Amino acid sequence: MSTKYGAFESYEFFGEFFAQKNADGVRFPGKIKYSPQNGLQLEYSLSNSSFPSACDRLFGVLSNGRKCTLVGSFDFESGTHYMGSVFVKLGVHGFLYLIIGDFVDSGDTFEHALFTFNGMQEFIHPQGSVAQLKYQEEPIVEVDGDGWNIKVENAATYSMIGNQIINLIYSPDKEATEKLAAAFEKIKEEHPTSYFNLRKTLKYYVRYTTDTQQEADRLISDITKISSLFSILMSRPVFPDEITLKLTGNDYTLNVLNSLVLEGRTVELAKEEINHRFIPINWKQIDMKTVLSNWLDVYDDFQVLSVSHQYETGFRTLHYAQSDIILYSTQLEAINVDLGGSSSEKYVRPFNTYASSELESQLVKIFEKTGEANLGRAIASLRNELAHVGRPKVMMKKLNIDDYVDIGQILRLVVISHLFAKLGIHQEQIHQYQGRFIHS
């Protein structure tokens, strides 16, 4: 899988662009700019009056000789116009995604998508000890769903080392070294045409296939949904990073850059190095086959939760902290219904079901400042004071911004815990996930 184009890097491509695959004579120069903050943008200068004023995709030939396709709604009348001896349209136009490697028209379908996501390698295995892992040709996990298949596979790169491989091995035990060298010589005699390579890298990626071959828009949407699961598991912004698509009927794959348009703080969080041991939940602690299978079934119900993780900034103003409380307390009400609770239990039933004693006591301690000892009444009162104009702000005046942030975080953890239960994650791991934030 290509590692050339990653979603969290910046790129510039110069080329010629046209509206039809065979429009050799109607071209204009342009520069594609990509960054995770600004997304994909085309800076163009167009002087040919016969070029259509609007289209839904552009084809291009980059200065490196590669074909490409820009997908998005283009309106060249919205840019700047210069009316001299030649009428010129120029400007900067955004678009949805860029396919590098071929011309892809509307209706063209793909056999599968291959992708990584940021943090994927460390989530699966500590990269500091990746040498402990063996390369395997079969998937490390495979999941079949309703019309789709997901495989998590690995790929390795090697350097040819030949008969010098023995020179890379050292032991202070001279006798052991001599025996190893003798054994290697015997192997060479028995297998004279064989050769040895030294593994340089081992990398995981996801292969996503649908029963009915889909267009690029659908595949990009689907793999973004898959990545959002890992955003919640790792509690950080996660998006598809390196994406390639296999065009139907061809034996090669195409690179894709998907326009993200993220806040700078979100990009910084997404690019932060992570440690396998300190991820709230990692690959080895859960049954990924079950979790992946269940996630796409419940995604629509938890889309708000996944989006909040994917676009996290790590920064809370008072407004955002109070909004979190309204959002997640409202979701607790829906969770209570799902659990079969009565209206009088609409906030406490989810806590009693999912919250560790430590998490619950932390919330109770915050509300002690307000003089309300009953957790259900405290959440209800605060939510109503925040949400309703004209209601006396008795409880709100007794809390500071840190309290609001902590309350919102605790409520969100209970909502996440409900999701984890639906994904098949055990209570022990759910409480472990909660504990990562209690002590952070």
Protein backbone atom coordinates (compact mmCIF):
# COMPACT_ATOMS: atom_id res chain seq x y z
CA MET A 1 0.00 0.00 0.00
CA SER A 2 1.37 3.40 -0.97
CA THR A 3 2.57 5.65 1.82
CA LYS A 4 3.07 8.65 -0.41
CA TYR A 5 -0.08 10.61 0.31
CA GLY A 6 -1.24 10.99 3.92
CA ALA A 7 -4.21 13.01 5.15
CA PHE A 8 -2.15 14.87 7.77
CA GLU A 9 0.59 16.07 5.44
CA SER A 10 0.62 19.02 3.01
CA TYR A 11 1.05 18.75 -0.77
CA GLU A 12 1.15 20.88 -3.90
CA PHE A 13 0.67 19.62 -7.46
CA PHE A 14 0.94 21.67 -10.63
CA GLY A 15 -0.83 20.48 -13.76
CA GLU A 16 -3.23 21.01 -16.64
CA PHE A 17 -6.96 20.43 -16.18
CA PHE A 18 -9.97 19.81 -18.41
CA ALA A 19 -13.65 18.89 -18.11
CA GLN A 20 -13.76 15.88 -20.45
CA LYS A 21 -11.34 12.96 -20.65
CA ASN A 22 -10.72 13.56 -24.35
CA ALA A 23 -10.69 17.38 -24.27
CA ASP A 24 -7.12 17.73 -25.48
CA GLY A 25 -7.57 21.26 -26.77
CA VAL A 26 -9.53 22.80 -23.89
CA ARG A 27 -7.14 22.89 -20.95
CA PHE A 28 -6.06 25.38 -18.34
CA PRO A 29 -3.16 25.46 -15.87
CA GLY A 30 -3.70 25.14 -12.16
CA LYS A 31 -2.11 24.25 -8.86
CA ILE A 32 -3.67 21.82 -6.39
CA LYS A 33 -2.95 22.61 -2.76
CA TYR A 34 -3.75 20.23 0.07
CA SER A 35 -3.47 20.58 3.83
CA PRO A 36 -5.55 19.00 6.62
CA GLN A 37 -6.67 22.49 7.73
CA ASN A 38 -7.65 23.94 4.34
CA GLY A 39 -8.56 20.73 2.57
CA LEU A 40 -8.18 20.45 -1.21
CA GLN A 41 -8.05 23.65 -3.24
CA LEU A 42 -7.41 24.33 -6.91
CA GLU A 43 -5.79 27.64 -7.84
CA TYR A 44 -6.59 28.21 -11.51
CA SER A 45 -6.32 30.64 -14.42
CA LEU A 46 -8.76 30.06 -17.29
CA SER A 47 -8.82 32.10 -20.51
CA ASN A 48 -10.67 29.73 -22.84
CA SER A 49 -14.24 30.99 -23.23
CA SER A 50 -15.44 27.63 -24.56
CA PHE A 51 -14.75 25.93 -21.24
CA PRO A 52 -17.98 25.13 -19.33
CA SER A 53 -18.73 27.48 -16.45
CA ALA A 54 -19.69 24.61 -14.12
CA CYS A 55 -18.96 20.89 -13.79
CA ASP A 56 -18.92 18.20 -11.11
CA ARG A 57 -15.37 16.94 -11.72
CA LEU A 58 -12.15 17.87 -13.47
CA PHE A 59 -9.55 15.65 -15.06
CA GLY A 60 -5.90 16.58 -15.04
CA VAL A 61 -2.34 15.65 -15.88
CA LEU A 62 0.11 16.57 -13.14
CA SER A 63 3.63 17.81 -13.75
CA ASN A 64 4.94 14.43 -12.55
CA GLY A 65 3.13 12.78 -15.48
CA ARG A 66 0.35 11.19 -13.44
CA LYS A 67 -3.32 11.41 -14.34
CA CYS A 68 -5.72 12.72 -11.70
CA THR A 69 -9.39 13.43 -11.06
CA LEU A 70 -10.76 16.25 -8.89
CA VAL A 71 -14.28 15.66 -7.60
CA GLY A 72 -16.57 18.44 -6.42
CA SER A 73 -19.06 21.02 -7.67
CA PHE A 74 -17.12 23.67 -9.61
CA ASP A 75 -18.51 27.08 -10.52
CA PHE A 76 -15.92 29.11 -12.41
CA GLU A 77 -18.20 32.15 -12.45
CA SER A 78 -17.66 32.61 -8.70
CA GLY A 79 -13.98 33.57 -9.03
CA THR A 80 -12.32 36.79 -10.16
CA HIS A 81 -12.79 38.02 -13.74
CA TYR A 82 -10.39 40.20 -15.74
CA MET A 83 -11.64 41.75 -18.99
CA GLY A 84 -8.66 42.96 -21.01
CA SER A 85 -7.75 41.94 -24.51
CA VAL A 86 -8.42 38.41 -23.22
CA PHE A 87 -11.20 37.49 -20.78
CA VAL A 88 -9.64 35.61 -17.85
CA LYS A 89 -11.25 33.74 -14.97
CA LEU A 90 -9.07 32.96 -11.99
CA GLY A 91 -9.47 32.05 -8.36
CA VAL A 92 -9.17 29.32 -5.73
CA HIS A 93 -11.84 26.61 -5.61
CA GLY A 94 -12.32 23.87 -3.04
CA PHE A 95 -13.35 20.31 -3.84
CA LEU A 96 -14.18 17.05 -2.09
CA TYR A 97 -11.40 14.64 -2.96
CA LEU A 98 -8.54 14.00 -5.36
CA ILE A 99 -7.85 10.68 -7.09
CA ILE A 100 -4.28 10.31 -8.31
CA GLY A 101 -3.34 7.76 -10.96
CA ASP A 102 -6.18 7.76 -13.50
CA PHE A 103 -9.21 9.55 -14.92
CA VAL A 104 -12.28 8.43 -12.95
CA ASP A 105 -15.66 9.36 -14.35
CA SER A 106 -19.06 9.47 -12.68
CA GLY A 107 -20.38 5.91 -12.52
CA ASP A 108 -16.95 4.25 -12.35
CA THR A 109 -16.82 1.73 -9.51
CA PHE A 110 -14.13 0.19 -7.35
CA GLU A 111 -13.45 -3.34 -6.16
CA HIS A 112 -12.17 -2.37 -2.71
CA ALA A 113 -10.56 0.32 -0.59
CA LEU A 114 -7.30 -0.03 1.32
CA PHE A 115 -6.62 2.44 4.09
CA THR A 116 -4.79 3.18 7.29
CA PHE A 117 -5.87 5.62 9.98
CA ASN A 118 -3.73 7.83 12.17
CA GLY A 119 -2.59 5.94 15.28
CA MET A 120 -3.51 2.57 13.75
CA GLN A 121 -0.09 0.96 14.01
CA GLU A 122 0.37 1.80 17.70
CA PHE A 123 -3.24 0.85 18.49
CA ILE A 124 -2.65 -2.68 17.20
CA HIS A 125 0.88 -3.26 18.51
CA PRO A 126 3.63 -1.19 20.21
CA GLN A 127 5.82 0.03 17.37
CA GLY A 128 8.89 -0.09 19.60
CA SER A 129 8.64 -3.89 19.67
CA VAL A 130 7.28 -4.59 16.19
CA ALA A 131 10.24 -6.91 15.55
CA GLN A 132 8.49 -9.44 17.81
CA LEU A 133 5.73 -9.89 15.24
CA LYS A 134 5.81 -12.32 12.36
CA TYR A 135 4.50 -11.36 8.95
CA GLN A 136 1.40 -13.34 8.04
CA GLU A 137 -0.32 -13.53 4.69
CA GLU A 138 -3.79 -14.22 6.08
CA PRO A 139 -5.76 -11.36 7.72
CA ILE A 140 -5.27 -10.86 11.45
CA VAL A 141 -9.02 -10.30 11.65
CA GLU A 142 -11.86 -10.63 9.12
CA VAL A 143 -15.46 -9.50 9.55
CA ASP A 144 -18.41 -10.13 7.23
CA GLY A 145 -21.39 -7.81 7.52
CA ASP A 146 -24.56 -7.02 5.61
CA GLY A 147 -23.11 -6.44 2.15
CA TRP A 148 -19.56 -5.69 3.25
CA ASN A 149 -16.32 -7.33 4.33
CA ILE A 150 -13.48 -5.92 6.44
CA LYS A 151 -10.03 -7.45 6.67
CA VAL A 152 -7.16 -6.12 8.74
CA GLU A 153 -3.99 -7.22 7.00
CA ASN A 154 -0.29 -6.53 7.24
CA ALA A 155 2.29 -5.60 4.65
CA ALA A 156 6.06 -5.78 4.96
CA THR A 157 8.99 -4.24 3.12
CA TYR A 158 12.34 -6.00 2.83
CA SER A 159 15.92 -5.31 1.84
CA MET A 160 17.93 -8.01 0.12
CA ILE A 161 20.65 -9.25 2.47
CA GLY A 162 21.72 -12.49 0.78
CA ASN A 163 24.35 -14.65 2.45
CA GLN A 164 25.54 -11.78 4.63
CA ILE A 165 22.64 -12.23 7.04
CA ILE A 166 24.91 -14.07 9.48
CA ASN A 167 27.02 -10.92 9.80
CA LEU A 168 24.09 -9.09 11.37
CA ILE A 169 23.84 -11.51 14.30
CA TYR A 170 26.17 -11.25 17.30
CA SER A 171 26.53 -13.18 20.54
CA PRO A 172 29.33 -13.00 23.13
CA ASP A 173 29.05 -16.79 23.26
CA LYS A 174 31.64 -17.75 20.64
CA GLU A 175 30.59 -21.41 20.53
CA ALA A 176 26.94 -20.51 19.93
CA THR A 177 27.95 -18.11 17.15
CA GLU A 178 30.05 -20.78 15.43
CA LYS A 179 27.22 -23.32 15.61
CA LEU A 180 24.80 -20.82 14.11
CA ALA A 181 27.22 -20.03 11.27
CA ALA A 182 27.73 -23.75 10.60
CA ALA A 183 23.98 -24.33 10.54
CA PHE A 184 23.55 -21.47 8.10
CA GLU A 185 26.25 -22.90 5.81
CA LYS A 186 24.45 -26.24 5.85
CA ILE A 187 21.18 -24.55 4.89
CA LYS A 188 22.89 -22.82 1.95
CA GLU A 189 24.27 -26.15 0.75
CA GLU A 190 20.85 -27.81 0.94
CA HIS A 191 19.04 -24.83 -0.67
CA PRO A 192 21.54 -23.28 -3.09
CA THR A 193 18.96 -21.20 -4.99
CA SER A 194 17.29 -19.75 -1.89
CA TYR A 195 18.02 -16.26 -0.64
CA PHE A 196 17.22 -14.24 2.48
CA ASN A 197 15.72 -10.78 2.89
CA LEU A 198 15.84 -8.58 5.96
CA ARG A 199 12.50 -7.11 6.99
CA LYS A 200 12.56 -3.33 7.22
CA THR A 201 8.95 -2.47 8.09
CA LEU A 202 5.71 -4.17 9.07
CA LYS A 203 2.53 -2.18 8.65
CA TYR A 204 -1.16 -2.85 9.17
CA TYR A 205 -3.93 -1.63 6.91
CA VAL A 206 -7.68 -2.21 6.45
CA ARG A 207 -9.18 -3.74 3.31
CA TYR A 208 -12.84 -2.79 2.87
CA THR A 209 -14.92 -4.57 0.23
CA THR A 210 -18.62 -4.35 -0.60
CA ASP A 211 -20.69 -7.07 -2.25
CA THR A 212 -21.86 -4.55 -4.85
CA GLN A 213 -19.01 -2.49 -6.24
CA GLN A 214 -19.38 1.16 -5.27
CA GLU A 215 -18.30 4.57 -6.48
CA ALA A 216 -15.55 6.45 -4.68
CA ASP A 217 -17.96 8.71 -2.73
CA ARG A 218 -19.60 5.75 -1.02
CA LEU A 219 -16.33 3.99 -0.19
CA ILE A 220 -14.78 7.14 1.28
CA SER A 221 -17.89 7.69 3.40
CA ASP A 222 -17.83 4.09 4.63
CA ILE A 223 -14.16 4.04 5.61
CA THR A 224 -14.61 7.35 7.43
CA LYS A 225 -17.35 5.66 9.49
CA ILE A 226 -15.02 2.75 10.24
CA SER A 227 -12.24 5.12 11.32
CA SER A 228 -14.61 7.00 13.63
CA LEU A 229 -14.91 3.87 15.79
CA PHE A 230 -11.20 4.06 16.54
CA SER A 231 -11.56 7.75 17.31
CA ILE A 232 -13.80 6.77 20.23
CA LEU A 233 -11.68 3.80 21.31
CA MET A 234 -8.50 5.89 21.38
CA SER A 235 -10.27 9.11 22.45
CA ARG A 236 -8.59 11.27 19.81
CA PRO A 237 -9.35 12.60 16.33
CA VAL A 238 -9.02 9.72 13.85
CA PHE A 239 -9.58 9.80 10.09
CA PRO A 240 -8.56 7.64 7.14
CA ASP A 241 -4.94 8.58 6.52
CA GLU A 242 -3.48 6.76 3.51
CA ILE A 243 -6.24 5.69 1.09
CA THR A 244 -6.02 3.69 -2.12
CA LEU A 245 -8.89 2.42 -4.27
CA LYS A 246 -8.79 -0.42 -6.81
CA LEU A 247 -10.64 0.58 -9.96
CA THR A 248 -12.89 -2.19 -11.27
CA GLY A 249 -11.24 -4.20 -14.04
CA ASN A 250 -7.74 -2.83 -13.44
CA ASP A 251 -4.77 -4.41 -11.72
CA TYR A 252 -3.51 -1.23 -10.03
CA THR A 253 -4.69 1.00 -7.20
CA LEU A 254 -5.24 4.76 -7.12
CA ASN A 255 -4.24 7.15 -4.35
CA VAL A 256 -6.91 9.33 -2.75
CA LEU A 257 -6.65 12.58 -0.81
CA ASN A 258 -9.90 13.34 0.99
CA SER A 259 -10.64 16.94 1.95
CA LEU A 260 -10.91 17.13 5.75
CA VAL A 261 -10.82 20.88 6.62
CA LEU A 262 -9.98 20.52 10.31
CA GLU A 263 -9.22 23.07 13.00
CA GLY A 264 -5.53 23.47 13.76
CA ARG A 265 -5.93 22.10 17.29
CA THR A 266 -7.69 19.02 15.93
CA VAL A 267 -4.80 18.38 13.53
CA GLU A 268 -2.29 18.73 16.38
CA LEU A 269 -4.18 16.18 18.47
CA ALA A 270 -4.46 13.79 15.54
CA LYS A 271 -0.71 13.97 14.88
CA GLU A 272 0.39 13.55 18.49
CA GLU A 273 2.45 10.45 19.13
CA ILE A 274 0.66 7.86 21.24
CA ASN A 275 1.83 4.93 23.34
CA HIS A 276 0.16 1.54 23.06
CA ARG A 277 0.11 1.10 26.84
CA PHE A 278 -1.66 4.39 27.49
CA ILE A 279 -4.41 4.15 24.88
CA PRO A 280 -7.72 3.91 26.82
CA ILE A 281 -8.56 0.63 25.04
CA ASN A 282 -6.21 -1.08 22.60
CA TRP A 283 -6.51 -3.90 20.09
CA LYS A 284 -5.44 -6.69 22.45
CA GLN A 285 -8.05 -5.88 25.11
CA ILE A 286 -11.21 -6.35 23.06
CA ASP A 287 -12.69 -8.71 20.48
CA MET A 288 -12.19 -6.55 17.39
CA LYS A 289 -14.14 -8.91 15.16
CA THR A 290 -17.27 -8.47 17.28
CA VAL A 291 -16.70 -4.74 17.82
CA LEU A 292 -16.24 -3.96 14.12
CA SER A 293 -19.26 -6.04 13.16
CA ASN A 294 -21.50 -4.28 15.68
CA TRP A 295 -20.20 -0.78 14.99
CA LEU A 296 -21.57 -0.41 11.47
CA ASP A 297 -24.94 -1.66 12.73
CA VAL A 298 -25.22 1.06 15.40
CA TYR A 299 -23.25 3.88 13.75
CA ASP A 300 -26.28 6.03 12.90
CA ASP A 301 -27.41 6.02 16.55
CA PHE A 302 -24.01 7.21 17.75
CA GLN A 303 -22.97 9.51 14.92
CA VAL A 304 -23.04 12.58 17.18
CA LEU A 305 -20.67 10.84 19.59
CA SER A 306 -18.26 9.80 16.85
CA VAL A 307 -18.22 13.28 15.30
CA SER A 308 -17.46 14.87 18.67
CA HIS A 309 -14.39 12.63 18.97
CA GLN A 310 -13.21 13.05 15.38
CA TYR A 311 -13.36 16.85 15.54
CA GLU A 312 -12.13 17.20 19.12
CA THR A 313 -9.92 20.24 19.77
CA GLY A 314 -8.87 19.47 23.34
CA PHE A 315 -10.05 22.95 24.33
CA ARG A 316 -13.23 23.89 26.16
CA THR A 317 -14.77 27.32 26.55
CA LEU A 318 -17.62 27.79 29.02
CA HIS A 319 -20.06 27.69 26.11
CA TYR A 320 -18.78 24.34 24.82
CA ALA A 321 -18.65 22.83 28.30
CA GLN A 322 -22.26 23.80 29.00
CA SER A 323 -23.34 22.56 25.55
CA ASP A 324 -21.76 19.18 26.31
CA ILE A 325 -23.88 18.87 29.44
CA ILE A 326 -27.11 19.58 27.54
CA LEU A 327 -26.16 17.17 24.75
CA TYR A 328 -25.05 14.23 26.87
CA SER A 329 -27.73 14.57 29.54
CA THR A 330 -30.31 14.43 26.73
CA GLN A 331 -28.63 11.29 25.42
CA LEU A 332 -28.82 9.77 28.91
CA GLU A 333 -32.59 10.09 28.67
CA ALA A 334 -32.60 8.05 25.45
CA ILE A 335 -30.25 5.49 27.00
CA ASN A 336 -32.60 5.12 29.95
CA VAL A 337 -35.46 4.30 27.56
CA ASP A 338 -33.21 1.77 25.80
CA LEU A 339 -32.48 0.16 29.18
CA GLY A 340 -36.17 -0.02 30.04
CA GLY A 341 -35.95 2.54 32.85
CA SER A 342 -38.83 4.64 34.13
CA SER A 343 -39.02 8.42 33.70
CA SER A 344 -37.94 8.89 37.31
CA GLU A 345 -34.71 7.00 36.49
CA LYS A 346 -33.86 8.86 33.28
CA TYR A 347 -30.46 10.01 34.54
CA VAL A 348 -29.56 7.55 37.31
CA ARG A 349 -30.38 4.29 35.49
CA PRO A 350 -27.55 4.77 32.96
CA PHE A 351 -25.16 5.61 35.81
CA ASN A 352 -26.20 2.59 37.84
CA THR A 353 -25.77 0.38 34.78
CA TYR A 354 -22.44 1.60 33.43
CA ALA A 355 -20.56 3.95 35.76
CA SER A 356 -17.85 2.65 38.05
CA SER A 357 -18.25 3.62 41.70
CA GLU A 358 -15.26 5.92 41.29
CA LEU A 359 -16.80 7.75 38.33
CA GLU A 360 -20.14 8.18 40.08
CA SER A 361 -18.54 9.43 43.30
CA GLN A 362 -16.55 11.99 41.32
CA LEU A 363 -19.77 13.46 39.90
CA VAL A 364 -21.49 13.40 43.29
CA LYS A 365 -18.54 15.30 44.75
CA ILE A 366 -18.90 18.07 42.16
CA PHE A 367 -22.63 18.43 42.82
CA GLU A 368 -22.01 18.66 46.56
CA LYS A 369 -21.02 22.26 45.85
CA THR A 370 -24.60 22.97 44.84
CA GLY A 371 -26.17 21.37 47.91
CA GLU A 372 -28.00 18.72 45.87
CA ALA A 373 -27.10 15.23 47.06
CA ASN A 374 -29.43 13.32 44.72
CA LEU A 375 -27.61 12.63 41.45
CA GLY A 376 -30.73 12.39 39.30
CA ARG A 377 -32.19 15.66 40.57
CA ALA A 378 -28.81 17.39 40.27
CA ILE A 379 -28.36 16.46 36.59
CA ALA A 380 -31.98 17.37 35.80
CA SER A 381 -31.77 20.74 37.55
CA LEU A 382 -28.50 21.72 35.89
CA ARG A 383 -29.69 20.64 32.45
CA ASN A 384 -32.92 22.62 32.80
CA GLU A 385 -31.14 25.74 34.04
CA LEU A 386 -28.78 25.58 31.06
CA ALA A 387 -31.44 24.82 28.45
CA HIS A 388 -34.38 27.03 29.44
CA VAL A 389 -34.57 30.81 29.21
CA GLY A 390 -36.12 32.44 32.26
CA ARG A 391 -35.42 29.60 34.68
CA PRO A 392 -33.60 30.82 37.83
CA LYS A 393 -29.87 29.97 37.62
CA VAL A 394 -29.46 28.71 41.17
CA MET A 395 -27.16 25.76 40.54
CA MET A 396 -25.24 27.40 37.68
CA LYS A 397 -24.00 30.18 39.95
CA LYS A 398 -22.32 27.65 42.25
CA LEU A 399 -20.21 25.96 39.57
CA ASN A 400 -17.10 27.16 37.75
CA ILE A 401 -15.84 26.30 34.25
CA ASP A 402 -13.72 23.39 35.53
CA ASP A 403 -16.83 21.90 37.12
CA TYR A 404 -18.78 22.23 33.86
CA VAL A 405 -15.97 20.58 31.89
CA ASP A 406 -15.75 17.69 34.38
CA ILE A 407 -19.52 17.16 34.45
CA GLY A 408 -19.70 17.09 30.65
CA GLN A 409 -16.81 14.63 30.49
CA ILE A 410 -18.40 12.29 33.02
CA LEU A 411 -21.76 12.33 31.23
CA ARG A 412 -20.00 11.64 27.94
CA LEU A 413 -18.17 8.67 29.48
CA VAL A 414 -21.50 7.11 30.46
CA VAL A 415 -22.82 7.58 26.91
CA ILE A 416 -19.62 6.00 25.55
CA SER A 417 -20.03 3.13 28.00
CA HIS A 418 -23.52 2.45 26.63
CA LEU A 419 -22.05 2.32 23.13
CA PHE A 420 -19.28 -0.03 24.26
CA ALA A 421 -21.83 -2.39 25.79
CA LYS A 422 -23.65 -2.51 22.45
CA LEU A 423 -20.35 -3.23 20.72
CA GLY A 424 -19.78 -6.25 22.96
CA ILE A 425 -17.05 -4.74 25.15
CA HIS A 426 -17.06 -6.16 28.67
CA GLN A 427 -17.74 -4.14 31.81
CA GLU A 428 -14.17 -4.59 33.02
CA GLN A 429 -12.80 -2.86 29.92
CA ILE A 430 -15.52 -0.20 30.11
CA HIS A 431 -14.49 0.71 33.66
CA GLN A 432 -10.85 0.63 32.60
CA TYR A 433 -11.69 3.16 29.87
CA GLN A 434 -13.45 5.37 32.42
CA GLY A 435 -10.49 5.12 34.77
CA ARG A 436 -8.10 6.52 32.17
CA PHE A 437 -9.96 9.82 32.33
CA ILE A 438 -10.68 9.86 36.05
CA HIS A 439 -6.95 9.81 36.76
CA SER A 440 -5.82 11.98 33.85
